[in-house]
């Protein structure tokens, strides 16, 4: 697992289970950020990978 993905997973779990109630609203933001990072990295990999 990529270190950044692991970090986002841990931060999301902490926000969901350990944060006071107003901060739990930020739990879903880790999914948004993770999805954006995944999309950007996937686009870059497809743009710069070598054929063959």
PDB file of N, CA and C in Angstrom:
ATOM      1  N   UNK A   1       0.851  -1.172   0.000  1.00  0.00           N
ATOM      2  CA  UNK A   1       0.000   0.000   0.000  1.00  0.00           C
ATOM      3  C   UNK A   1       0.896   1.234   0.000  1.00  0.00           C
ATOM      4  N   UNK A   2       0.518   2.198  -0.787  1.00  0.00           N
ATOM      5  CA  UNK A   2       1.288   3.442  -0.875  1.00  0.00           C
ATOM      6  C   UNK A   2       1.214   4.180   0.465  1.00  0.00           C
ATOM      7  N   UNK A   3       2.313   4.795   0.917  1.00  0.00           N
ATOM      8  CA  UNK A   3       2.315   5.483   2.213  1.00  0.00           C
ATOM      9  C   UNK A   3       1.257   6.578   2.318  1.00  0.00           C
ATOM     10  N   UNK A   4       1.004   7.303   1.228  1.00  0.00           N
ATOM     11  CA  UNK A   4      -0.003   8.356   1.282  1.00  0.00           C
ATOM     12  C   UNK A   4      -1.397   7.767   1.461  1.00  0.00           C
ATOM     13  N   UNK A   5      -1.674   6.655   0.804  1.00  0.00           N
ATOM     14  CA  UNK A   5      -2.972   5.997   0.961  1.00  0.00           C
ATOM     15  C   UNK A   5      -3.155   5.514   2.395  1.00  0.00           C
ATOM     16  N   UNK A   6      -2.090   4.972   2.961  1.00  0.00           N
ATOM     17  CA  UNK A   6      -2.156   4.517   4.350  1.00  0.00           C
ATOM     18  C   UNK A   6      -2.394   5.691   5.293  1.00  0.00           C
ATOM     19  N   UNK A   7      -1.724   6.799   5.045  1.00  0.00           N
ATOM     20  CA  UNK A   7      -1.896   7.987   5.881  1.00  0.00           C
ATOM     21  C   UNK A   7      -3.338   8.485   5.805  1.00  0.00           C
ATOM     22  N   UNK A   8      -3.906   8.548   4.607  1.00  0.00           N
ATOM     23  CA  UNK A   8      -5.286   8.998   4.472  1.00  0.00           C
ATOM     24  C   UNK A   8      -6.260   8.040   5.146  1.00  0.00           C
ATOM     25  N   UNK A   9      -5.982   6.751   5.071  1.00  0.00           N
ATOM     26  CA  UNK A   9      -6.823   5.760   5.725  1.00  0.00           C
ATOM     27  C   UNK A   9      -6.805   5.942   7.241  1.00  0.00           C
ATOM     28  N   UNK A  10      -5.614   6.128   7.799  1.00  0.00           N
ATOM     29  CA  UNK A  10      -5.480   6.318   9.247  1.00  0.00           C
ATOM     30  C   UNK A  10      -6.149   7.618   9.678  1.00  0.00           C
ATOM     31  N   UNK A  11      -5.911   8.700   8.936  1.00  0.00           N
ATOM     32  CA  UNK A  11      -6.525   9.978   9.297  1.00  0.00           C
ATOM     33  C   UNK A  11      -8.044   9.903   9.215  1.00  0.00           C
ATOM     34  N   UNK A  12      -8.552   9.232   8.190  1.00  0.00           N
ATOM     35  CA  UNK A  12      -9.997   9.081   8.073  1.00  0.00           C
ATOM     36  C   UNK A  12     -10.588   8.290   9.224  1.00  0.00           C
ATOM     37  N   UNK A  13      -9.919   7.199   9.618  1.00  0.00           N
ATOM     38  CA  UNK A  13     -10.402   6.394  10.745  1.00  0.00           C
ATOM     39  C   UNK A  13     -10.361   7.193  12.043  1.00  0.00           C
ATOM     40  N   UNK A  14      -9.301   7.972  12.247  1.00  0.00           N
ATOM     41  CA  UNK A  14      -9.217   8.795  13.455  1.00  0.00           C
ATOM     42  C   UNK A  14     -10.314   9.853  13.480  1.00  0.00           C
ATOM     43  N   UNK A  15     -10.588  10.468  12.333  1.00  0.00           N
ATOM     44  CA  UNK A  15     -11.654  11.460  12.289  1.00  0.00           C
ATOM     45  C   UNK A  15     -13.014  10.829  12.559  1.00  0.00           C
ATOM     46  N   UNK A  16     -13.213   9.599  12.101  1.00  0.00           N
ATOM     47  CA  UNK A  16     -14.506   8.949  12.291  1.00  0.00           C
ATOM     48  C   UNK A  16     -14.710   8.489  13.726  1.00  0.00           C
ATOM     49  N   UNK A  17     -13.683   7.860  14.318  1.00  0.00           N
ATOM     50  CA  UNK A  17     -13.869   7.201  15.606  1.00  0.00           C
ATOM     51  C   UNK A  17     -13.362   7.982  16.812  1.00  0.00           C
ATOM     52  N   UNK A  18     -12.409   8.885  16.637  1.00  0.00           N
ATOM     53  CA  UNK A  18     -11.773   9.527  17.790  1.00  0.00           C
ATOM     54  C   UNK A  18     -12.025  11.026  17.891  1.00  0.00           C
ATOM     55  N   UNK A  19     -12.604  11.617  16.886  1.00  0.00           N
ATOM     56  CA  UNK A  19     -12.777  13.067  16.888  1.00  0.00           C
ATOM     57  C   UNK A  19     -14.061  13.453  17.624  1.00  0.00           C
ATOM     58  N   UNK A  20     -14.078  14.654  18.198  1.00  0.00           N
ATOM     59  CA  UNK A  20     -15.330  15.144  18.779  1.00  0.00           C
ATOM     60  C   UNK A  20     -16.366  15.346  17.665  1.00  0.00           C
ATOM     61  N   UNK A  21     -17.646  15.358  18.005  1.00  0.00           N
ATOM     62  CA  UNK A  21     -18.705  15.373  16.990  1.00  0.00           C
ATOM     63  C   UNK A  21     -18.575  16.421  15.881  1.00  0.00           C
ATOM     64  N   UNK A  22     -18.225  17.684  16.135  1.00  0.00           N
ATOM     65  CA  UNK A  22     -18.131  18.603  14.984  1.00  0.00           C
ATOM     66  C   UNK A  22     -17.037  18.198  13.994  1.00  0.00           C
ATOM     67  N   UNK A  23     -15.957  17.618  14.482  1.00  0.00           N
ATOM     68  CA  UNK A  23     -14.851  17.237  13.595  1.00  0.00           C
ATOM     69  C   UNK A  23     -15.174  15.976  12.802  1.00  0.00           C
ATOM     70  N   UNK A  24     -16.150  15.190  13.240  1.00  0.00           N
ATOM     71  CA  UNK A  24     -16.506  13.973  12.503  1.00  0.00           C
ATOM     72  C   UNK A  24     -17.077  14.305  11.131  1.00  0.00           C
ATOM     73  N   UNK A  25     -17.557  15.525  10.952  1.00  0.00           N
ATOM     74  CA  UNK A  25     -18.061  15.931   9.646  1.00  0.00           C
ATOM     75  C   UNK A  25     -16.950  15.930   8.601  1.00  0.00           C
ATOM     76  N   UNK A  26     -15.698  16.053   9.035  1.00  0.00           N
ATOM     77  CA  UNK A  26     -14.559  16.075   8.116  1.00  0.00           C
ATOM     78  C   UNK A  26     -14.142  14.675   7.685  1.00  0.00           C
ATOM     79  N   UNK A  27     -14.739  13.628   8.247  1.00  0.00           N
ATOM     80  CA  UNK A  27     -14.383  12.257   7.884  1.00  0.00           C
ATOM     81  C   UNK A  27     -14.491  12.031   6.384  1.00  0.00           C
ATOM     82  N   UNK A  28     -15.539  12.517   5.784  1.00  0.00           N
ATOM     83  CA  UNK A  28     -15.766  12.270   4.360  1.00  0.00           C
ATOM     84  C   UNK A  28     -14.767  13.008   3.479  1.00  0.00           C
ATOM     85  N   UNK A  29     -14.139  14.057   3.991  1.00  0.00           N
ATOM     86  CA  UNK A  29     -13.168  14.805   3.198  1.00  0.00           C
ATOM     87  C   UNK A  29     -11.962  13.941   2.838  1.00  0.00           C
ATOM     88  N   UNK A  30     -11.584  13.004   3.707  1.00  0.00           N
ATOM     89  CA  UNK A  30     -10.445  12.137   3.375  1.00  0.00           C
ATOM     90  C   UNK A  30     -10.753  11.283   2.149  1.00  0.00           C
ATOM     91  N   UNK A  31     -12.013  10.902   1.965  1.00  0.00           N
ATOM     92  CA  UNK A  31     -12.384  10.124   0.776  1.00  0.00           C
ATOM     93  C   UNK A  31     -12.305  10.989  -0.476  1.00  0.00           C
ATOM     94  N   UNK A  32     -12.714  12.233  -0.350  1.00  0.00           N
ATOM     95  CA  UNK A  32     -12.651  13.156  -1.490  1.00  0.00           C
ATOM     96  C   UNK A  32     -11.204  13.401  -1.896  1.00  0.00           C
ATOM     97  N   UNK A  33     -10.356  13.705  -0.916  1.00  0.00           N
ATOM     98  CA  UNK A  33      -8.943  13.963  -1.191  1.00  0.00           C
ATOM     99  C   UNK A  33      -8.285  12.709  -1.765  1.00  0.00           C
ATOM    100  N   UNK A  34      -8.564  11.565  -1.190  1.00  0.00           N
ATOM    101  CA  UNK A  34      -7.996  10.315  -1.696  1.00  0.00           C
ATOM    102  C   UNK A  34      -8.425  10.027  -3.127  1.00  0.00           C
ATOM    103  N   UNK A  35      -9.682  10.282  -3.435  1.00  0.00           N
ATOM    104  CA  UNK A  35     -10.166  10.078  -4.797  1.00  0.00           C
ATOM    105  C   UNK A  35      -9.509  11.016  -5.792  1.00  0.00           C
ATOM    106  N   UNK A  36      -9.335  12.270  -5.387  1.00  0.00           N
ATOM    107  CA  UNK A  36      -8.662  13.228  -6.268  1.00  0.00           C
ATOM    108  C   UNK A  36      -7.211  12.839  -6.509  1.00  0.00           C
ATOM    109  N   UNK A  37      -6.517  12.452  -5.454  1.00  0.00           N
ATOM    110  CA  UNK A  37      -5.117  12.038  -5.604  1.00  0.00           C
ATOM    111  C   UNK A  37      -5.029  10.808  -6.497  1.00  0.00           C
ATOM    112  N   UNK A  38      -5.915   9.862  -6.301  1.00  0.00           N
ATOM    113  CA  UNK A  38      -5.927   8.648  -7.125  1.00  0.00           C
ATOM    114  C   UNK A  38      -6.157   8.998  -8.594  1.00  0.00           C
ATOM    115  N   UNK A  39      -7.086   9.885  -8.865  1.00  0.00           N
ATOM    116  CA  UNK A  39      -7.359  10.290 -10.238  1.00  0.00           C
ATOM    117  C   UNK A  39      -6.188  11.001 -10.885  1.00  0.00           C
ATOM    118  N   UNK A  40      -5.537  11.881 -10.141  1.00  0.00           N
ATOM    119  CA  UNK A  40      -4.384  12.613 -10.667  1.00  0.00           C
ATOM    120  C   UNK A  40      -3.233  11.665 -10.961  1.00  0.00           C
ATOM    121  N   UNK A  41      -2.935  10.783 -10.018  1.00  0.00           N
ATOM    122  CA  UNK A  41      -1.830   9.837 -10.214  1.00  0.00           C
ATOM    123  C   UNK A  41      -2.130   8.896 -11.377  1.00  0.00           C
ATOM    124  N   UNK A  42      -3.355   8.422 -11.482  1.00  0.00           N
ATOM    125  CA  UNK A  42      -3.725   7.541 -12.586  1.00  0.00           C
ATOM    126  C   UNK A  42      -3.559   8.250 -13.927  1.00  0.00           C
ATOM    127  N   UNK A  43      -3.978   9.499 -14.002  1.00  0.00           N
ATOM    128  CA  UNK A  43      -3.825  10.273 -15.234  1.00  0.00           C
ATOM    129  C   UNK A  43      -2.361  10.461 -15.588  1.00  0.00           C
ATOM    130  N   UNK A  44      -1.536  10.775 -14.592  1.00  0.00           N
ATOM    131  CA  UNK A  44      -0.108  10.959 -14.845  1.00  0.00           C
ATOM    132  C   UNK A  44       0.554   9.660 -15.297  1.00  0.00           C
ATOM    133  N   UNK A  45       0.182   8.553 -14.686  1.00  0.00           N
ATOM    134  CA  UNK A  45       0.763   7.264 -15.076  1.00  0.00           C
ATOM    135  C   UNK A  45       0.397   6.939 -16.524  1.00  0.00           C
ATOM    136  N   UNK A  46      -0.858   7.148 -16.888  1.00  0.00           N
ATOM    137  CA  UNK A  46      -1.272   6.857 -18.264  1.00  0.00           C
ATOM    138  C   UNK A  46      -0.623   7.821 -19.253  1.00  0.00           C
ATOM    139  N   UNK A  47      -0.361   9.050 -18.843  1.00  0.00           N
ATOM    140  CA  UNK A  47       0.233  10.033 -19.746  1.00  0.00           C
ATOM    141  C   UNK A  47       1.718   9.775 -19.976  1.00  0.00           C
ATOM    142  N   UNK A  48       2.421   9.287 -18.963  1.00  0.00           N
ATOM    143  CA  UNK A  48       3.874   9.194 -19.055  1.00  0.00           C
ATOM    144  C   UNK A  48       4.428   7.774 -19.135  1.00  0.00           C
ATOM    145  N   UNK A  49       3.576   6.766 -19.130  1.00  0.00           N
ATOM    146  CA  UNK A  49       4.116   5.403 -19.194  1.00  0.00           C
ATOM    147  C   UNK A  49       4.643   5.119 -20.598  1.00  0.00           C
ATOM    148  N   UNK A  50       5.606   4.246 -20.630  1.00  0.00           N
ATOM    149  CA  UNK A  50       6.234   3.891 -21.910  1.00  0.00           C
ATOM    150  C   UNK A  50       5.533   2.683 -22.506  1.00  0.00           C
ATOM    151  N   UNK A  51       5.360   2.727 -23.782  1.00  0.00           N
ATOM    152  CA  UNK A  51       4.764   1.591 -24.490  1.00  0.00           C
ATOM    153  C   UNK A  51       5.842   0.544 -24.744  1.00  0.00           C
ATOM    154  N   UNK A  52       5.467  -0.714 -24.629  1.00  0.00           N
ATOM    155  CA  UNK A  52       6.414  -1.768 -24.961  1.00  0.00           C
ATOM    156  C   UNK A  52       7.004  -2.332 -23.766  1.00  0.00           C
TER     157      UNK A  52
END
